[in-house]
C-alpha atoms as a PDB file:
ATOM      1  CA  MET A   1      86.267  73.903  98.791  1.00  0.00           C
ATOM      2  CA  ALA A   2      84.941  71.561 101.350  1.00  0.00           C
ATOM      3  CA  VAL A   3      85.790  72.597 105.007  1.00  0.00           C
ATOM      4  CA  LYS A   4      86.501  69.147 106.722  1.00  0.00           C
ATOM      5  CA  SER A   5      88.949  70.157 109.365  1.00  0.00           C
ATOM      6  CA  MET A   6      90.655  73.215 111.085  1.00  0.00           C
ATOM      7  CA  ASN A   7      93.467  72.881 108.696  1.00  0.00           C
ATOM      8  CA  ASP A   8      90.730  73.511 105.953  1.00  0.00           C
ATOM      9  CA  LEU A   9      89.544  76.203 107.702  1.00  0.00           C
ATOM     10  CA  PHE A  10      92.790  77.974 108.099  1.00  0.00           C
ATOM     11  CA  LEU A  11      93.592  77.715 104.296  1.00  0.00           C
ATOM     12  CA  ARG A  12      89.853  78.874 103.130  1.00  0.00           C
ATOM     13  CA  THR A  13      90.630  81.675 105.460  1.00  0.00           C
ATOM     14  CA  LEU A  14      93.914  82.514 104.136  1.00  0.00           C
ATOM     15  CA  LYS A  15      92.525  82.442 100.670  1.00  0.00           C
ATOM     16  CA  ASP A  16      89.792  84.926 101.585  1.00  0.00           C
ATOM     17  CA  ILE A  17      92.597  87.339 103.423  1.00  0.00           C
ATOM     18  CA  TYR A  18      94.916  87.025 100.405  1.00  0.00           C
ATOM     19  CA  TYR A  19      92.037  88.166  98.000  1.00  0.00           C
ATOM     20  CA  ALA A  20      91.342  91.162 100.170  1.00  0.00           C
ATOM     21  CA  GLU A  21      94.958  91.934 100.463  1.00  0.00           C
ATOM     22  CA  LYS A  22      95.144  92.058  96.656  1.00  0.00           C
ATOM     23  CA  GLN A  23      92.098  94.067  96.373  1.00  0.00           C
ATOM     24  CA  ILE A  24      93.544  96.343  98.967  1.00  0.00           C
ATOM     25  CA  TYR A  25      96.642  96.678  97.025  1.00  0.00           C
ATOM     26  CA  LYS A  26      94.942  97.735  93.874  1.00  0.00           C
ATOM     27  CA  ASN A  27      92.697 100.101  95.339  1.00  0.00           C
ATOM     28  CA  LEU A  28      95.006 102.312  97.776  1.00  0.00           C
ATOM     29  CA  PRO A  29      96.528 104.157  94.831  1.00  0.00           C
ATOM     30  CA  LYS A  30      92.898 105.362  94.192  1.00  0.00           C
ATOM     31  CA  MET A  31      92.524 106.449  97.737  1.00  0.00           C
ATOM     32  CA  ALA A  32      95.683 108.036  97.502  1.00  0.00           C
ATOM     33  CA  LYS A  33      94.726 109.929  94.678  1.00  0.00           C
ATOM     34  CA  SER A  34      91.312 111.070  96.372  1.00  0.00           C
ATOM     35  CA  ALA A  35      93.016 112.407  99.583  1.00  0.00           C
ATOM     36  CA  GLY A  36      93.445 116.024 100.036  1.00  0.00           C
ATOM     37  CA  SER A  37      95.684 115.611 103.052  1.00  0.00           C
ATOM     38  CA  LYS A  38      99.081 115.260 102.367  1.00  0.00           C
ATOM     39  CA  ASP A  39      99.425 113.130 105.846  1.00  0.00           C
ATOM     40  CA  LEU A  40      96.674 110.889 104.497  1.00  0.00           C
ATOM     41  CA  LYS A  41      98.093 110.391 100.754  1.00  0.00           C
ATOM     42  CA  GLN A  42     101.353 109.562 102.652  1.00  0.00           C
ATOM     43  CA  ALA A  43      99.751 107.111 104.932  1.00  0.00           C
ATOM     44  CA  PHE A  44      97.952 105.202 102.081  1.00  0.00           C
ATOM     45  CA  GLU A  45     101.050 105.331 100.071  1.00  0.00           C
ATOM     46  CA  LYS A  46     103.360 103.693 102.858  1.00  0.00           C
ATOM     47  CA  HIS A  47     100.406 101.244 103.631  1.00  0.00           C
ATOM     48  CA  ARG A  48     100.565 100.039  99.893  1.00  0.00           C
ATOM     49  CA  GLU A  49     104.261  99.073 100.407  1.00  0.00           C
ATOM     50  CA  GLU A  50     103.281  97.100 103.282  1.00  0.00           C
ATOM     51  CA  THR A  51     100.639  95.491 101.628  1.00  0.00           C
ATOM     52  CA  LYS A  52     102.868  94.276  98.875  1.00  0.00           C
ATOM     53  CA  GLN A  53     104.912  92.660 101.587  1.00  0.00           C
ATOM     54  CA  GLN A  54     101.936  91.092 103.558  1.00  0.00           C
ATOM     55  CA  ILE A  55     100.988  89.678 100.155  1.00  0.00           C
ATOM     56  CA  GLU A  56     104.341  88.126  99.848  1.00  0.00           C
ATOM     57  CA  ARG A  57     104.084  86.547 103.528  1.00  0.00           C
ATOM     58  CA  LEU A  58     100.823  85.005 102.498  1.00  0.00           C
ATOM     59  CA  GLU A  59     102.421  83.306  99.430  1.00  0.00           C
ATOM     60  CA  THR A  60     105.175  82.019 101.985  1.00  0.00           C
ATOM     61  CA  ILE A  61     102.354  80.567 104.181  1.00  0.00           C
ATOM     62  CA  PHE A  62     100.559  78.838 101.252  1.00  0.00           C
ATOM     63  CA  GLU A  63     104.007  77.561 100.231  1.00  0.00           C
ATOM     64  CA  GLN A  64     104.792  76.306 103.984  1.00  0.00           C
ATOM     65  CA  CYS A  65     101.485  74.433 103.768  1.00  0.00           C
ATOM     66  CA  GLY A  66     101.886  73.146 100.485  1.00  0.00           C
ATOM     67  CA  ALA A  67      99.141  74.603  98.810  1.00  0.00           C
ATOM     68  CA  ALA A  68      99.055  76.952  95.852  1.00  0.00           C
ATOM     69  CA  ALA A  69      98.409  80.568  96.701  1.00  0.00           C
ATOM     70  CA  ARG A  70      94.663  80.670  95.440  1.00  0.00           C
ATOM     71  CA  ALA A  71      92.426  83.724  96.339  1.00  0.00           C
ATOM     72  CA  ILE A  72      88.926  83.176  96.839  1.00  0.00           C
ATOM     73  CA  ARG A  73      86.672  86.209  96.667  1.00  0.00           C
ATOM     74  CA  CYS A  74      86.061  87.859 100.175  1.00  0.00           C
ATOM     75  CA  GLU A  75      82.526  89.540  99.688  1.00  0.00           C
ATOM     76  CA  ALA A  76      83.252  91.521 102.691  1.00  0.00           C
ATOM     77  CA  MET A  77      85.941  93.444 101.318  1.00  0.00           C
ATOM     78  CA  ASP A  78      84.461  94.040  98.089  1.00  0.00           C
ATOM     79  CA  GLY A  79      81.650  95.637 100.238  1.00  0.00           C
ATOM     80  CA  ILE A  80      84.070  97.598 102.297  1.00  0.00           C
ATOM     81  CA  LEU A  81      85.880  98.805  99.121  1.00  0.00           C
ATOM     82  CA  ALA A  82      82.653  99.536  97.247  1.00  0.00           C
ATOM     83  CA  GLU A  83      81.887 101.848 100.354  1.00  0.00           C
ATOM     84  CA  ALA A  84      84.734 103.639  99.983  1.00  0.00           C
ATOM     85  CA  LYS A  85      84.530 104.255  96.208  1.00  0.00           C
ATOM     86  CA  GLU A  86      81.023 105.586  97.047  1.00  0.00           C
ATOM     87  CA  VAL A  87      82.872 108.013  99.400  1.00  0.00           C
ATOM     88  CA  MET A  88      85.379 109.001  97.084  1.00  0.00           C
ATOM     89  CA  GLU A  89      82.629 109.562  94.309  1.00  0.00           C
ATOM     90  CA  GLU A  90      79.712 111.099  96.172  1.00  0.00           C
ATOM     91  CA  ILE A  91      81.247 113.523  98.753  1.00  0.00           C
ATOM     92  CA  GLU A  92      82.799 116.949  97.034  1.00  0.00           C
ATOM     93  CA  ASP A  93      83.742 118.818 100.283  1.00  0.00           C
ATOM     94  CA  GLY A  94      87.582 118.052 100.552  1.00  0.00           C
ATOM     95  CA  GLN A  95      87.642 117.750 104.068  1.00  0.00           C
ATOM     96  CA  VAL A  96      84.573 116.153 104.437  1.00  0.00           C
ATOM     97  CA  HIS A  97      85.970 113.758 101.675  1.00  0.00           C
ATOM     98  CA  ASP A  98      89.269 112.958 103.444  1.00  0.00           C
ATOM     99  CA  ALA A  99      87.374 112.209 107.123  1.00  0.00           C
ATOM    100  CA  GLY A 100      84.924 109.707 104.847  1.00  0.00           C
ATOM    101  CA  ILE A 101      87.996 107.721 103.205  1.00  0.00           C
ATOM    102  CA  LEU A 102      89.961 107.764 106.347  1.00  0.00           C
ATOM    103  CA  ALA A 103      86.812 106.167 107.991  1.00  0.00           C
ATOM    104  CA  ALA A 104      86.728 103.631 104.887  1.00  0.00           C
ATOM    105  CA  ALA A 105      90.289 102.716 105.350  1.00  0.00           C
ATOM    106  CA  GLN A 106      90.174 101.905 108.943  1.00  0.00           C
ATOM    107  CA  THR A 107      86.941  99.571 108.327  1.00  0.00           C
ATOM    108  CA  VAL A 108      89.530  97.852 106.188  1.00  0.00           C
ATOM    109  CA  GLU A 109      92.139  97.759 108.822  1.00  0.00           C
ATOM    110  CA  HIS A 110      89.380  96.606 111.212  1.00  0.00           C
ATOM    111  CA  TYR A 111      88.514  93.594 109.124  1.00  0.00           C
ATOM    112  CA  GLU A 112      92.167  92.822 108.280  1.00  0.00           C
ATOM    113  CA  ILE A 113      92.989  93.031 112.189  1.00  0.00           C
ATOM    114  CA  SER A 114      90.076  90.552 112.900  1.00  0.00           C
ATOM    115  CA  ARG A 115      91.409  87.935 110.206  1.00  0.00           C
ATOM    116  CA  TYR A 116      94.862  88.198 110.939  1.00  0.00           C
ATOM    117  CA  GLY A 117      94.063  87.457 114.849  1.00  0.00           C
ATOM    118  CA  THR A 118      91.831  84.578 114.086  1.00  0.00           C
ATOM    119  CA  LEU A 119      94.599  82.877 111.571  1.00  0.00           C
ATOM    120  CA  ILE A 120      96.981  83.599 114.306  1.00  0.00           C
ATOM    121  CA  ALA A 121      95.022  81.350 116.837  1.00  0.00           C
ATOM    122  CA  TRP A 122      94.338  78.877 114.351  1.00  0.00           C
ATOM    123  CA  ALA A 123      98.185  78.559 113.025  1.00  0.00           C
ATOM    124  CA  ASP A 124      99.083  78.263 116.797  1.00  0.00           C
ATOM    125  CA  GLN A 125      96.696  75.581 117.205  1.00  0.00           C
ATOM    126  CA  LEU A 126      97.518  73.632 114.450  1.00  0.00           C
ATOM    127  CA  GLY A 127     101.530  73.650 115.391  1.00  0.00           C
ATOM    128  CA  MET A 128     102.316  76.473 112.556  1.00  0.00           C
ATOM    129  CA  LYS A 129     105.006  78.243 114.243  1.00  0.00           C
ATOM    130  CA  ASP A 130     106.704  79.620 111.175  1.00  0.00           C
ATOM    131  CA  ALA A 131     103.050  80.738 109.603  1.00  0.00           C
ATOM    132  CA  SER A 132     102.083  82.157 113.217  1.00  0.00           C
ATOM    133  CA  LYS A 133     105.271  84.523 113.266  1.00  0.00           C
ATOM    134  CA  LEU A 134     104.520  86.010 109.508  1.00  0.00           C
ATOM    135  CA  LEU A 135     100.720  86.337 110.366  1.00  0.00           C
ATOM    136  CA  LYS A 136     101.825  88.380 113.540  1.00  0.00           C
ATOM    137  CA  GLU A 137     103.961  90.471 111.474  1.00  0.00           C
ATOM    138  CA  THR A 138     101.208  91.695 109.278  1.00  0.00           C
ATOM    139  CA  LEU A 139      98.935  92.132 111.877  1.00  0.00           C
ATOM    140  CA  ASP A 140     101.285  94.409 114.025  1.00  0.00           C
ATOM    141  CA  GLU A 141     101.484  96.286 110.779  1.00  0.00           C
ATOM    142  CA  GLU A 142      97.769  96.265 110.472  1.00  0.00           C
ATOM    143  CA  LYS A 143      97.457  97.770 113.982  1.00  0.00           C
ATOM    144  CA  LYS A 144     100.261 100.260 113.283  1.00  0.00           C
ATOM    145  CA  THR A 145      98.601 101.397 110.157  1.00  0.00           C
ATOM    146  CA  ASP A 146      94.900 101.646 112.252  1.00  0.00           C
ATOM    147  CA  GLN A 147      96.765 103.791 115.121  1.00  0.00           C
ATOM    148  CA  LEU A 148      98.120 106.154 112.649  1.00  0.00           C
ATOM    149  CA  LEU A 149      95.088 106.706 110.961  1.00  0.00           C
ATOM    150  CA  SER A 150      93.429 107.350 114.118  1.00  0.00           C
ATOM    151  CA  GLN A 151      96.051 109.981 115.099  1.00  0.00           C
ATOM    152  CA  LEU A 152      95.178 111.711 111.960  1.00  0.00           C
ATOM    153  CA  ALA A 153      91.443 111.794 112.391  1.00  0.00           C
ATOM    154  CA  VAL A 154      91.940 112.960 115.949  1.00  0.00           C
ATOM    155  CA  ALA A 155      94.663 115.578 115.171  1.00  0.00           C
ATOM    156  CA  ASN A 156      93.331 117.123 112.194  1.00  0.00           C
ATOM    157  CA  ILE A 157      91.041 115.566 109.472  1.00  0.00           C
ATOM    158  CA  ASN A 158      87.901 114.977 111.559  1.00  0.00           C
ATOM    159  CA  GLN A 159      88.270 118.589 112.987  1.00  0.00           C
ATOM    160  CA  GLN A 160      88.564 120.030 109.877  1.00  0.00           C
ATOM    161  CA  ALA A 161      85.818 118.509 108.282  1.00  0.00           C
ATOM    162  CA  GLY A 162      83.704 119.528 111.197  1.00  0.00           C
END
């Protein structure tokens, strides 16, 4: 896709995060199954439900833009998820394992927070009020998930791994 305008750049980035969300949705059950901590497992399961809604919001934004909901490969998310898979496969100690997959999950969240913040700024610039509102809902969820993961890390998971 040739990017010739801010609208093109917005759509390209929307396709990127759409791919990322679909990959996250696909991988969260593996991460939940891999988690030893009940709280971490529940956080992954809850975020999977949110991710499903986030995908639906993105599809609504594509509709609003008159574009097909199509994903383009997000190499960054592929790399982040490959690292998470390595952690799940290579770390045998249960508590260290949980600290590792929690850190990988936060890397995912930070990528999403960055992408959604950018998309909101561009949607606002382009006068896409409805899209901006939907993107803000998702950004708020991503920030809450990141905060929950931080709380889990500090409250017990990292200490148990120590």
